[in-house]
Full PDB file with SEQRES, HELIX, SHEET, SSBOND, CRYST1, ORIGX, SCALE, CONECT and MASTER records, all heavy atoms in Angstrom:
SEQRES   1 A   43  PHE GLY LEU SER TRP LEU LEU PRO ARG ILE ILE GLY HIS          
SEQRES   2 A   43  GLY ARG ALA SER HIS LEU PHE TYR SER ALA GLY THR LEU          
SEQRES   3 A   43  ASP ALA GLU GLN ALA VAL ALA CYS GLY LEU ALA ALA GLU          
SEQRES   4 A   43  VAL VAL GLU ASP                                              
HELIX    1 AA1 LEU A    3  ILE A   11  1                                   9    
HELIX    2 AA2 HIS A   13  TYR A   21  1                                   9    
HELIX    3 AA3 ALA A   28  ALA A   33  1                                   6    
CRYST1    1.000    1.000    1.000  90.00  90.00  90.00 P 1           1          
ORIGX1      1.000000  0.000000  0.000000        0.00000                         
ORIGX2      0.000000  1.000000  0.000000        0.00000                         
ORIGX3      0.000000  0.000000  1.000000        0.00000                         
SCALE1      1.000000  0.000000  0.000000        0.00000                         
SCALE2      0.000000  1.000000  0.000000        0.00000                         
SCALE3      0.000000  0.000000  1.000000        0.00000                         
ATOM      1  N   PHE A   1      -5.807  -4.729 -13.223  1.00  0.00           N  
ATOM      2  CA  PHE A   1      -6.006  -3.338 -13.633  1.00  0.00           C  
ATOM      3  C   PHE A   1      -4.826  -2.445 -13.265  1.00  0.00           C  
ATOM      4  O   PHE A   1      -4.988  -1.310 -12.835  1.00  0.00           O  
ATOM      5  CB  PHE A   1      -7.301  -2.779 -13.039  1.00  0.00           C  
ATOM      6  CG  PHE A   1      -8.532  -3.559 -13.393  1.00  0.00           C  
ATOM      7  CD1 PHE A   1      -9.658  -3.516 -12.585  1.00  0.00           C  
ATOM      8  CD2 PHE A   1      -8.585  -4.332 -14.537  1.00  0.00           C  
ATOM      9  CE1 PHE A   1     -10.805  -4.231 -12.902  1.00  0.00           C  
ATOM     10  CE2 PHE A   1      -9.722  -5.056 -14.868  1.00  0.00           C  
ATOM     11  CZ  PHE A   1     -10.845  -5.010 -14.044  1.00  0.00           C  
ATOM     12  N   GLY A   2      -3.627  -2.986 -13.407  1.00  0.00           N  
ATOM     13  CA  GLY A   2      -2.426  -2.195 -13.197  1.00  0.00           C  
ATOM     14  C   GLY A   2      -1.887  -2.194 -11.788  1.00  0.00           C  
ATOM     15  O   GLY A   2      -0.849  -1.579 -11.535  1.00  0.00           O  
ATOM     16  N   LEU A   3      -2.539  -2.898 -10.857  1.00  0.00           N  
ATOM     17  CA  LEU A   3      -2.104  -2.824  -9.457  1.00  0.00           C  
ATOM     18  C   LEU A   3      -0.690  -3.367  -9.266  1.00  0.00           C  
ATOM     19  O   LEU A   3       0.081  -2.820  -8.468  1.00  0.00           O  
ATOM     20  CB  LEU A   3      -3.083  -3.569  -8.552  1.00  0.00           C  
ATOM     21  CG  LEU A   3      -2.825  -3.454  -7.049  1.00  0.00           C  
ATOM     22  CD1 LEU A   3      -2.869  -2.000  -6.597  1.00  0.00           C  
ATOM     23  CD2 LEU A   3      -3.835  -4.280  -6.262  1.00  0.00           C  
ATOM     24  N   SER A   4      -0.325  -4.429  -9.999  1.00  0.00           N  
ATOM     25  CA  SER A   4       1.017  -4.982  -9.829  1.00  0.00           C  
ATOM     26  C   SER A   4       2.094  -4.073 -10.404  1.00  0.00           C  
ATOM     27  O   SER A   4       3.280  -4.244 -10.102  1.00  0.00           O  
ATOM     28  CB  SER A   4       1.107  -6.374 -10.488  1.00  0.00           C  
ATOM     29  OG  SER A   4       0.935  -6.283 -11.895  1.00  0.00           O  
ATOM     30  N   TRP A   5       1.715  -3.103 -11.220  1.00  0.00           N  
ATOM     31  CA  TRP A   5       2.648  -2.094 -11.744  1.00  0.00           C  
ATOM     32  C   TRP A   5       2.661  -0.862 -10.849  1.00  0.00           C  
ATOM     33  O   TRP A   5       3.716  -0.310 -10.541  1.00  0.00           O  
ATOM     34  CB  TRP A   5       2.236  -1.705 -13.159  1.00  0.00           C  
ATOM     35  CG  TRP A   5       3.210  -0.851 -13.926  1.00  0.00           C  
ATOM     36  CD1 TRP A   5       4.188  -1.282 -14.781  1.00  0.00           C  
ATOM     37  CD2 TRP A   5       3.278   0.594 -13.941  1.00  0.00           C  
ATOM     38  NE1 TRP A   5       4.867  -0.210 -15.325  1.00  0.00           N  
ATOM     39  CE2 TRP A   5       4.336   0.950 -14.822  1.00  0.00           C  
ATOM     40  CE3 TRP A   5       2.570   1.601 -13.296  1.00  0.00           C  
ATOM     41  CZ2 TRP A   5       4.685   2.282 -15.070  1.00  0.00           C  
ATOM     42  CZ3 TRP A   5       2.918   2.917 -13.540  1.00  0.00           C  
ATOM     43  CH2 TRP A   5       3.964   3.245 -14.413  1.00  0.00           C  
ATOM     44  N   LEU A   6       1.476  -0.461 -10.390  1.00  0.00           N  
ATOM     45  CA  LEU A   6       1.346   0.786  -9.635  1.00  0.00           C  
ATOM     46  C   LEU A   6       1.868   0.676  -8.208  1.00  0.00           C  
ATOM     47  O   LEU A   6       2.632   1.526  -7.743  1.00  0.00           O  
ATOM     48  CB  LEU A   6      -0.127   1.217  -9.601  1.00  0.00           C  
ATOM     49  CG  LEU A   6      -0.746   1.658 -10.921  1.00  0.00           C  
ATOM     50  CD1 LEU A   6      -2.275   1.589 -10.845  1.00  0.00           C  
ATOM     51  CD2 LEU A   6      -0.299   3.075 -11.273  1.00  0.00           C  
ATOM     52  N   LEU A   7       1.428  -0.362  -7.485  1.00  0.00           N  
ATOM     53  CA  LEU A   7       1.702  -0.406  -6.052  1.00  0.00           C  
ATOM     54  C   LEU A   7       3.195  -0.480  -5.727  1.00  0.00           C  
ATOM     55  O   LEU A   7       3.649   0.235  -4.816  1.00  0.00           O  
ATOM     56  CB  LEU A   7       0.948  -1.556  -5.388  1.00  0.00           C  
ATOM     57  CG  LEU A   7       0.924  -1.496  -3.861  1.00  0.00           C  
ATOM     58  CD1 LEU A   7       0.181  -0.253  -3.376  1.00  0.00           C  
ATOM     59  CD2 LEU A   7       0.275  -2.756  -3.280  1.00  0.00           C  
ATOM     60  N   PRO A   8       4.006  -1.296  -6.424  1.00  0.00           N  
ATOM     61  CA  PRO A   8       5.437  -1.293  -6.111  1.00  0.00           C  
ATOM     62  C   PRO A   8       6.085   0.074  -6.303  1.00  0.00           C  
ATOM     63  O   PRO A   8       7.046   0.409  -5.602  1.00  0.00           O  
ATOM     64  CB  PRO A   8       6.019  -2.321  -7.096  1.00  0.00           C  
ATOM     65  CG  PRO A   8       4.885  -3.223  -7.407  1.00  0.00           C  
ATOM     66  CD  PRO A   8       3.679  -2.327  -7.423  1.00  0.00           C  
ATOM     67  N   ARG A   9       5.570   0.864  -7.224  1.00  0.00           N  
ATOM     68  CA  ARG A   9       6.126   2.191  -7.464  1.00  0.00           C  
ATOM     69  C   ARG A   9       5.709   3.195  -6.396  1.00  0.00           C  
ATOM     70  O   ARG A   9       6.349   4.227  -6.229  1.00  0.00           O  
ATOM     71  CB  ARG A   9       5.705   2.687  -8.859  1.00  0.00           C  
ATOM     72  CG  ARG A   9       6.451   1.965  -9.973  1.00  0.00           C  
ATOM     73  CD  ARG A   9       5.783   2.155 -11.328  1.00  0.00           C  
ATOM     74  NE  ARG A   9       6.653   1.682 -12.404  1.00  0.00           N  
ATOM     75  CZ  ARG A   9       6.800   0.408 -12.733  1.00  0.00           C  
ATOM     76  NH1 ARG A   9       6.132  -0.530 -12.055  1.00  0.00           N  
ATOM     77  NH2 ARG A   9       7.605   0.059 -13.722  1.00  0.00           N  
ATOM     78  N   ILE A  10       4.637   2.900  -5.684  1.00  0.00           N  
ATOM     79  CA  ILE A  10       4.156   3.803  -4.639  1.00  0.00           C  
ATOM     80  C   ILE A  10       4.769   3.451  -3.284  1.00  0.00           C  
ATOM     81  O   ILE A  10       5.273   4.318  -2.568  1.00  0.00           O  
ATOM     82  CB  ILE A  10       2.616   3.760  -4.541  1.00  0.00           C  
ATOM     83  CG1 ILE A  10       1.978   4.227  -5.853  1.00  0.00           C  
ATOM     84  CG2 ILE A  10       2.131   4.644  -3.387  1.00  0.00           C  
ATOM     85  CD1 ILE A  10       0.477   3.995  -5.906  1.00  0.00           C  
ATOM     86  N   ILE A  11       4.744   2.160  -2.916  1.00  0.00           N  
ATOM     87  CA  ILE A  11       5.175   1.774  -1.566  1.00  0.00           C  
ATOM     88  C   ILE A  11       6.475   0.980  -1.566  1.00  0.00           C  
ATOM     89  O   ILE A  11       6.975   0.639  -0.491  1.00  0.00           O  
ATOM     90  CB  ILE A  11       4.073   0.988  -0.839  1.00  0.00           C  
ATOM     91  CG1 ILE A  11       3.872  -0.412  -1.457  1.00  0.00           C  
ATOM     92  CG2 ILE A  11       2.758   1.760  -0.838  1.00  0.00           C  
ATOM     93  CD1 ILE A  11       2.916  -1.294  -0.661  1.00  0.00           C  
ATOM     94  N   GLY A  12       7.025   0.691  -2.755  1.00  0.00           N  
ATOM     95  CA  GLY A  12       8.265  -0.078  -2.820  1.00  0.00           C  
ATOM     96  C   GLY A  12       8.001  -1.537  -3.156  1.00  0.00           C  
ATOM     97  O   GLY A  12       6.968  -2.104  -2.790  1.00  0.00           O  
ATOM     98  N   HIS A  13       8.966  -2.140  -3.838  1.00  0.00           N  
ATOM     99  CA  HIS A  13       8.804  -3.519  -4.302  1.00  0.00           C  
ATOM    100  C   HIS A  13       8.650  -4.503  -3.143  1.00  0.00           C  
ATOM    101  O   HIS A  13       7.796  -5.409  -3.182  1.00  0.00           O  
ATOM    102  CB  HIS A  13      10.015  -3.906  -5.168  1.00  0.00           C  
ATOM    103  CG  HIS A  13       9.921  -5.270  -5.766  1.00  0.00           C  
ATOM    104  ND1 HIS A  13      10.324  -6.399  -5.096  1.00  0.00           N  
ATOM    105  CD2 HIS A  13       9.470  -5.680  -6.973  1.00  0.00           C  
ATOM    106  CE1 HIS A  13      10.112  -7.456  -5.863  1.00  0.00           C  
ATOM    107  NE2 HIS A  13       9.612  -7.045  -7.007  1.00  0.00           N  
ATOM    108  N   GLY A  14       9.458  -4.339  -2.117  1.00  0.00           N  
ATOM    109  CA  GLY A  14       9.413  -5.280  -1.004  1.00  0.00           C  
ATOM    110  C   GLY A  14       8.088  -5.264  -0.269  1.00  0.00           C  
ATOM    111  O   GLY A  14       7.513  -6.325   0.017  1.00  0.00           O  
ATOM    112  N   ARG A  15       7.606  -4.062   0.062  1.00  0.00           N  
ATOM    113  CA  ARG A  15       6.326  -3.967   0.772  1.00  0.00           C  
ATOM    114  C   ARG A  15       5.196  -4.516  -0.088  1.00  0.00           C  
ATOM    115  O   ARG A  15       4.309  -5.228   0.402  1.00  0.00           O  
ATOM    116  CB  ARG A  15       6.036  -2.507   1.149  1.00  0.00           C  
ATOM    117  CG  ARG A  15       6.844  -1.962   2.314  1.00  0.00           C  
ATOM    118  CD  ARG A  15       6.218  -0.662   2.800  1.00  0.00           C  
ATOM    119  NE  ARG A  15       6.974  -0.057   3.868  1.00  0.00           N  
ATOM    120  CZ  ARG A  15       7.811   0.966   3.702  1.00  0.00           C  
ATOM    121  NH1 ARG A  15       8.005   1.467   2.489  1.00  0.00           N  
ATOM    122  NH2 ARG A  15       8.451   1.476   4.727  1.00  0.00           N  
ATOM    123  N   ALA A  16       5.192  -4.136  -1.369  1.00  0.00           N  
ATOM    124  CA  ALA A  16       4.129  -4.593  -2.258  1.00  0.00           C  
ATOM    125  C   ALA A  16       4.166  -6.111  -2.404  1.00  0.00           C  
ATOM    126  O   ALA A  16       3.122  -6.779  -2.365  1.00  0.00           O  
ATOM    127  CB  ALA A  16       4.255  -3.924  -3.618  1.00  0.00           C  
ATOM    128  N   SER A  17       5.355  -6.682  -2.547  1.00  0.00           N  
ATOM    129  CA  SER A  17       5.479  -8.131  -2.683  1.00  0.00           C  
ATOM    130  C   SER A  17       4.943  -8.849  -1.445  1.00  0.00           C  
ATOM    131  O   SER A  17       4.211  -9.845  -1.546  1.00  0.00           O  
ATOM    132  CB  SER A  17       6.940  -8.517  -2.918  1.00  0.00           C  
ATOM    133  OG  SER A  17       7.416  -8.017  -4.144  1.00  0.00           O  
ATOM    134  N   HIS A  18       5.302  -8.348  -0.273  1.00  0.00           N  
ATOM    135  CA  HIS A  18       4.816  -8.979   0.964  1.00  0.00           C  
ATOM    136  C   HIS A  18       3.302  -8.917   1.036  1.00  0.00           C  
ATOM    137  O   HIS A  18       2.636  -9.915   1.386  1.00  0.00           O  
ATOM    138  CB  HIS A  18       5.433  -8.300   2.182  1.00  0.00           C  
ATOM    139  CG  HIS A  18       4.969  -8.891   3.478  1.00  0.00           C  
ATOM    140  ND1 HIS A  18       3.954  -8.345   4.230  1.00  0.00           N  
ATOM    141  CD2 HIS A  18       5.378 -10.014   4.138  1.00  0.00           C  
ATOM    142  CE1 HIS A  18       3.766  -9.085   5.304  1.00  0.00           C  
ATOM    143  NE2 HIS A  18       4.607 -10.101   5.270  1.00  0.00           N  
ATOM    144  N   LEU A  19       2.732  -7.760   0.700  1.00  0.00           N  
ATOM    145  CA  LEU A  19       1.282  -7.608   0.739  1.00  0.00           C  
ATOM    146  C   LEU A  19       0.615  -8.561  -0.251  1.00  0.00           C  
ATOM    147  O   LEU A  19      -0.351  -9.251   0.088  1.00  0.00           O  
ATOM    148  CB  LEU A  19       0.903  -6.163   0.417  1.00  0.00           C  
ATOM    149  CG  LEU A  19      -0.588  -5.847   0.474  1.00  0.00           C  
ATOM    150  CD1 LEU A  19      -1.080  -5.866   1.917  1.00  0.00           C  
ATOM    151  CD2 LEU A  19      -0.873  -4.487  -0.149  1.00  0.00           C  
ATOM    152  N   PHE A  20       1.138  -8.622  -1.466  1.00  0.00           N  
ATOM    153  CA  PHE A  20       0.545  -9.482  -2.483  1.00  0.00           C  
ATOM    154  C   PHE A  20       0.659 -10.958  -2.116  1.00  0.00           C  
ATOM    155  O   PHE A  20      -0.306 -11.716  -2.190  1.00  0.00           O  
ATOM    156  CB  PHE A  20       1.224  -9.244  -3.835  1.00  0.00           C  
ATOM    157  CG  PHE A  20       0.843  -7.940  -4.502  1.00  0.00           C  
ATOM    158  CD1 PHE A  20       1.789  -7.238  -5.234  1.00  0.00           C  
ATOM    159  CD2 PHE A  20      -0.443  -7.444  -4.428  1.00  0.00           C  
ATOM    160  CE1 PHE A  20       1.453  -6.055  -5.871  1.00  0.00           C  
ATOM    161  CE2 PHE A  20      -0.794  -6.262  -5.059  1.00  0.00           C  
ATOM    162  CZ  PHE A  20       0.150  -5.560  -5.780  1.00  0.00           C  
ATOM    163  N   TYR A  21       1.854 -11.398  -1.720  1.00  0.00           N  
ATOM    164  CA  TYR A  21       2.076 -12.822  -1.461  1.00  0.00           C  
ATOM    165  C   TYR A  21       1.371 -13.306  -0.200  1.00  0.00           C  
ATOM    166  O   TYR A  21       1.083 -14.503  -0.063  1.00  0.00           O  
ATOM    167  CB  TYR A  21       3.573 -13.131  -1.389  1.00  0.00           C  
ATOM    168  CG  TYR A  21       4.264 -13.016  -2.725  1.00  0.00           C  
ATOM    169  CD1 TYR A  21       5.500 -12.387  -2.845  1.00  0.00           C  
ATOM    170  CD2 TYR A  21       3.685 -13.536  -3.879  1.00  0.00           C  
ATOM    171  CE1 TYR A  21       6.134 -12.275  -4.075  1.00  0.00           C  
ATOM    172  CE2 TYR A  21       4.307 -13.423  -5.107  1.00  0.00           C  
ATOM    173  CZ  TYR A  21       5.535 -12.798  -5.204  1.00  0.00           C  
ATOM    174  OH  TYR A  21       6.161 -12.689  -6.420  1.00  0.00           O  
ATOM    175  N   SER A  22       1.090 -12.403   0.713  1.00  0.00           N  
ATOM    176  CA  SER A  22       0.353 -12.770   1.920  1.00  0.00           C  
ATOM    177  C   SER A  22      -1.149 -12.567   1.754  1.00  0.00           C  
ATOM    178  O   SER A  22      -1.907 -12.823   2.683  1.00  0.00           O  
ATOM    179  CB  SER A  22       0.845 -11.945   3.116  1.00  0.00           C  
ATOM    180  OG  SER A  22       0.589 -10.560   2.917  1.00  0.00           O  
ATOM    181  N   ALA A  23      -1.564 -12.084   0.549  1.00  0.00           N  
ATOM    182  CA  ALA A  23      -2.976 -11.758   0.307  1.00  0.00           C  
ATOM    183  C   ALA A  23      -3.478 -10.852   1.423  1.00  0.00           C  
ATOM    184  O   ALA A  23      -4.553 -11.061   1.987  1.00  0.00           O  
ATOM    185  CB  ALA A  23      -3.817 -13.025   0.197  1.00  0.00           C  
ATOM    186  N   GLY A  24      -2.661  -9.859   1.726  1.00  0.00           N  
ATOM    187  CA  GLY A  24      -2.875  -9.071   2.930  1.00  0.00           C  
ATOM    188  C   GLY A  24      -3.727  -7.839   2.771  1.00  0.00           C  
ATOM    189  O   GLY A  24      -4.319  -7.565   1.724  1.00  0.00           O  
ATOM    190  N   THR A  25      -3.769  -7.071   3.861  1.00  0.00           N  
ATOM    191  CA  THR A  25      -4.580  -5.859   3.960  1.00  0.00           C  
ATOM    192  C   THR A  25      -3.763  -4.754   4.609  1.00  0.00           C  
ATOM    193  O   THR A  25      -2.996  -5.009   5.545  1.00  0.00           O  
ATOM    194  CB  THR A  25      -5.846  -6.114   4.803  1.00  0.00           C  
ATOM    195  OG1 THR A  25      -6.649  -7.107   4.157  1.00  0.00           O  
ATOM    196  CG2 THR A  25      -6.667  -4.847   4.960  1.00  0.00           C  
ATOM    197  N   LEU A  26      -3.922  -3.547   4.109  1.00  0.00           N  
ATOM    198  CA  LEU A  26      -3.363  -2.358   4.757  1.00  0.00           C  
ATOM    199  C   LEU A  26      -4.503  -1.576   5.390  1.00  0.00           C  
ATOM    200  O   LEU A  26      -5.498  -1.267   4.721  1.00  0.00           O  
ATOM    201  CB  LEU A  26      -2.671  -1.456   3.729  1.00  0.00           C  
ATOM    202  CG  LEU A  26      -1.382  -1.952   3.069  1.00  0.00           C  
ATOM    203  CD1 LEU A  26      -0.938  -0.957   2.002  1.00  0.00           C  
ATOM    204  CD2 LEU A  26      -0.291  -2.137   4.103  1.00  0.00           C  
ATOM    205  N   ASP A  27      -4.379  -1.239   6.689  1.00  0.00           N  
ATOM    206  CA  ASP A  27      -5.371  -0.350   7.278  1.00  0.00           C  
ATOM    207  C   ASP A  27      -4.978   1.106   7.013  1.00  0.00           C  
ATOM    208  O   ASP A  27      -3.963   1.375   6.357  1.00  0.00           O  
ATOM    209  CB  ASP A  27      -5.564  -0.640   8.761  1.00  0.00           C  
ATOM    210  CG  ASP A  27      -4.320  -0.362   9.606  1.00  0.00           C  
ATOM    211  OD1 ASP A  27      -3.467   0.462   9.205  1.00  0.00           O  
ATOM    212  OD2 ASP A  27      -4.210  -0.957  10.699  1.00  0.00           O  
ATOM    213  N   ALA A  28      -5.768   2.032   7.501  1.00  0.00           N  
ATOM    214  CA  ALA A  28      -5.560   3.441   7.178  1.00  0.00           C  
ATOM    215  C   ALA A  28      -4.199   3.944   7.645  1.00  0.00           C  
ATOM    216  O   ALA A  28      -3.473   4.611   6.897  1.00  0.00           O  
ATOM    217  CB  ALA A  28      -6.677   4.282   7.791  1.00  0.00           C  
ATOM    218  N   GLU A  29      -3.845   3.636   8.895  1.00  0.00           N  
ATOM    219  CA  GLU A  29      -2.567   4.109   9.423  1.00  0.00           C  
ATOM    220  C   GLU A  29      -1.387   3.480   8.683  1.00  0.00           C  
ATOM    221  O   GLU A  29      -0.377   4.147   8.412  1.00  0.00           O  
ATOM    222  CB  GLU A  29      -2.472   3.796  10.921  1.00  0.00           C  
ATOM    223  CG  GLU A  29      -3.486   4.550  11.781  1.00  0.00           C  
ATOM    224  CD  GLU A  29      -3.218   6.055  11.831  1.00  0.00           C  
ATOM    225  OE1 GLU A  29      -2.126   6.478  11.429  1.00  0.00           O  
ATOM    226  OE2 GLU A  29      -4.120   6.786  12.276  1.00  0.00           O  
ATOM    227  N   GLN A  30      -1.496   2.214   8.349  1.00  0.00           N  
ATOM    228  CA  GLN A  30      -0.443   1.562   7.576  1.00  0.00           C  
ATOM    229  C   GLN A  30      -0.315   2.168   6.186  1.00  0.00           C  
ATOM    230  O   GLN A  30       0.793   2.310   5.660  1.00  0.00           O  
ATOM    231  CB  GLN A  30      -0.731   0.062   7.472  1.00  0.00           C  
ATOM    232  CG  GLN A  30      -0.559  -0.693   8.775  1.00  0.00           C  
ATOM    233  CD  GLN A  30      -1.085  -2.113   8.684  1.00  0.00           C  
ATOM    234  OE1 GLN A  30      -2.063  -2.394   7.988  1.00  0.00           O  
ATOM    235  NE2 GLN A  30      -0.426  -3.030   9.390  1.00  0.00           N  
ATOM    236  N   ALA A  31      -1.445   2.527   5.596  1.00  0.00           N  
ATOM    237  CA  ALA A  31      -1.422   3.140   4.265  1.00  0.00           C  
ATOM    238  C   ALA A  31      -0.671   4.464   4.285  1.00  0.00           C  
ATOM    239  O   ALA A  31       0.098   4.771   3.361  1.00  0.00           O  
ATOM    240  CB  ALA A  31      -2.848   3.352   3.761  1.00  0.00           C  
ATOM    241  N   VAL A  32      -0.848   5.247   5.332  1.00  0.00           N  
ATOM    242  CA  VAL A  32      -0.113   6.503   5.466  1.00  0.00           C  
ATOM    243  C   VAL A  32       1.359   6.225   5.718  1.00  0.00           C  
ATOM    244  O   VAL A  32       2.251   6.838   5.119  1.00  0.00           O  
ATOM    245  CB  VAL A  32      -0.705   7.378   6.583  1.00  0.00           C  
ATOM    246  CG1 VAL A  32       0.180   8.589   6.853  1.00  0.00           C  
ATOM    247  CG2 VAL A  32      -2.115   7.834   6.211  1.00  0.00           C  
ATOM    248  N   ALA A  33       1.640   5.280   6.598  1.00  0.00           N  
ATOM    249  CA  ALA A  33       3.024   4.988   6.978  1.00  0.00           C  
ATOM    250  C   ALA A  33       3.860   4.524   5.787  1.00  0.00           C  
ATOM    251  O   ALA A  33       5.054   4.831   5.705  1.00  0.00           O  
ATOM    252  CB  ALA A  33       3.050   3.935   8.085  1.00  0.00           C  
ATOM    253  N   CYS A  34       3.262   3.794   4.859  1.00  0.00           N  
ATOM    254  CA  CYS A  34       4.029   3.286   3.723  1.00  0.00           C  
ATOM    255  C   CYS A  34       3.960   4.199   2.510  1.00  0.00           C  
ATOM    256  O   CYS A  34       4.550   3.888   1.472  1.00  0.00           O  
ATOM    257  CB  CYS A  34       3.577   1.874   3.357  1.00  0.00           C  
ATOM    258  SG  CYS A  34       1.968   1.765   2.565  1.00  0.00           S  
ATOM    259  N   GLY A  35       3.260   5.323   2.638  1.00  0.00           N  
ATOM    260  CA  GLY A  35       3.240   6.292   1.553  1.00  0.00           C  
ATOM    261  C   GLY A  35       2.099   6.131   0.569  1.00  0.00           C  
ATOM    262  O   GLY A  35       2.013   6.876  -0.418  1.00  0.00           O  
ATOM    263  N   LEU A  36       1.201   5.180   0.801  1.00  0.00           N  
ATOM    264  CA  LEU A  36       0.068   5.010  -0.098  1.00  0.00           C  
ATOM    265  C   LEU A  36      -0.945   6.138   0.052  1.00  0.00           C  
ATOM    266  O   LEU A  36      -1.510   6.603  -0.940  1.00  0.00           O  
ATOM    267  CB  LEU A  36      -0.609   3.662   0.153  1.00  0.00           C  
ATOM    268  CG  LEU A  36      -1.860   3.357  -0.669  1.00  0.00           C  
ATOM    269  CD1 LEU A  36      -1.539   3.299  -2.154  1.00  0.00           C  
ATOM    270  CD2 LEU A  36      -2.508   2.054  -0.207  1.00  0.00           C  
ATOM    271  N   ALA A  37      -1.192   6.579   1.276  1.00  0.00           N  
ATOM    272  CA  ALA A  37      -2.191   7.617   1.544  1.00  0.00           C  
ATOM    273  C   ALA A  37      -1.519   8.863   2.096  1.00  0.00           C  
ATOM    274  O   ALA A  37      -0.491   8.787   2.772  1.00  0.00           O  
ATOM    275  CB  ALA A  37      -3.233   7.114   2.534  1.00  0.00           C  
ATOM    276  N   ALA A  38      -2.126   9.999   1.803  1.00  0.00           N  
ATOM    277  CA  ALA A  38      -1.583  11.269   2.276  1.00  0.00           C  
ATOM    278  C   ALA A  38      -1.901  11.513   3.748  1.00  0.00           C  
ATOM    279  O   ALA A  38      -1.063  12.012   4.497  1.00  0.00           O  
ATOM    280  CB  ALA A  38      -2.137  12.415   1.432  1.00  0.00           C  
ATOM    281  N   GLU A  39      -3.119  11.124   4.157  1.00  0.00           N  
ATOM    282  CA  GLU A  39      -3.569  11.497   5.498  1.00  0.00           C  
ATOM    283  C   GLU A  39      -4.796  10.683   5.871  1.00  0.00           C  
ATOM    284  O   GLU A  39      -5.608  10.324   5.010  1.00  0.00           O  
ATOM    285  CB  GLU A  39      -3.910  12.997   5.504  1.00  0.00           C  
ATOM    286  CG  GLU A  39      -4.177  13.597   6.852  1.00  0.00           C  
ATOM    287  CD  GLU A  39      -4.441  15.102   6.766  1.00  0.00           C  
ATOM    288  OE1 GLU A  39      -4.282  15.679   5.672  1.00  0.00           O  
ATOM    289  OE2 GLU A  39      -4.814  15.682   7.808  1.00  0.00           O  
ATOM    290  N   VAL A  40      -4.946  10.395   7.168  1.00  0.00           N  
ATOM    291  CA  VAL A  40      -6.172   9.805   7.696  1.00  0.00           C  
ATOM    292  C   VAL A  40      -7.054  10.939   8.194  1.00  0.00           C  
ATOM    293  O   VAL A  40      -6.612  11.751   9.025  1.00  0.00           O  
ATOM    294  CB  VAL A  40      -5.886   8.827   8.851  1.00  0.00           C  
ATOM    295  CG1 VAL A  40      -7.195   8.235   9.379  1.00  0.00           C  
ATOM    296  CG2 VAL A  40      -4.953   7.716   8.402  1.00  0.00           C  
ATOM    297  N   VAL A  41      -8.278  11.009   7.697  1.00  0.00           N  
ATOM    298  CA  VAL A  41      -9.197  12.089   8.056  1.00  0.00           C  
ATOM    299  C   VAL A  41     -10.583  11.508   8.306  1.00  0.00           C  
ATOM    300  O   VAL A  41     -10.936  10.466   7.748  1.00  0.00           O  
ATOM    301  CB  VAL A  41      -9.263  13.163   6.951  1.00  0.00           C  
ATOM    302  CG1 VAL A  41      -7.967  13.940   6.841  1.00  0.00           C  
ATOM    303  CG2 VAL A  41      -9.617  12.544   5.602  1.00  0.00           C  
ATOM    304  N   GLU A  42     -11.360  12.171   9.132  1.00  0.00           N  
ATOM    305  CA  GLU A  42     -12.700  11.682   9.423  1.00  0.00           C  
ATOM    306  C   GLU A  42     -13.604  11.734   8.196  1.00  0.00           C  
ATOM    307  O   GLU A  42     -14.472  10.885   8.017  1.00  0.00           O  
ATOM    308  CB  GLU A  42     -13.326  12.487  10.568  1.00  0.00           C  
ATOM    309  CG  GLU A  42     -12.721  12.211  11.923  1.00  0.00           C  
ATOM    310  CD  GLU A  42     -12.891  10.760  12.350  1.00  0.00           C  
ATOM    311  OE1 GLU A  42     -13.937  10.152  12.020  1.00  0.00           O  
ATOM    312  OE2 GLU A  42     -11.973  10.224  12.998  1.00  0.00           O  
ATOM    313  N   ASP A  43     -13.405  12.754   7.351  1.00  0.00           N  
ATOM    314  CA  ASP A  43     -14.238  12.914   6.156  1.00  0.00           C  
ATOM    315  C   ASP A  43     -13.331  12.996   4.938  1.00  0.00           C  
ATOM    316  O   ASP A  43     -12.909  14.076   4.526  1.00  0.00           O  
ATOM    317  CB  ASP A  43     -15.081  14.189   6.277  1.00  0.00           C  
ATOM    318  CG  ASP A  43     -16.112  14.324   5.167  1.00  0.00           C  
ATOM    319  OD1 ASP A  43     -15.962  13.647   4.121  1.00  0.00           O  
ATOM    320  OD2 ASP A  43     -17.066  15.114   5.335  1.00  0.00           O  
TER     321      ASP A  43                                                      
MASTER        0    0    0    3    0    0    0    6  320    1    0    4          
END                                                                             
């Protein structure tokens, strides 16, 4: 559903490739650090 097109443009090709090839996970703080999320908030 477009994830292989969208994610490299948001967090960069290298980060996205590592995440995809490792079948990995980003937690909330990592998502902010790599530019995927704007902010970690309780609500």
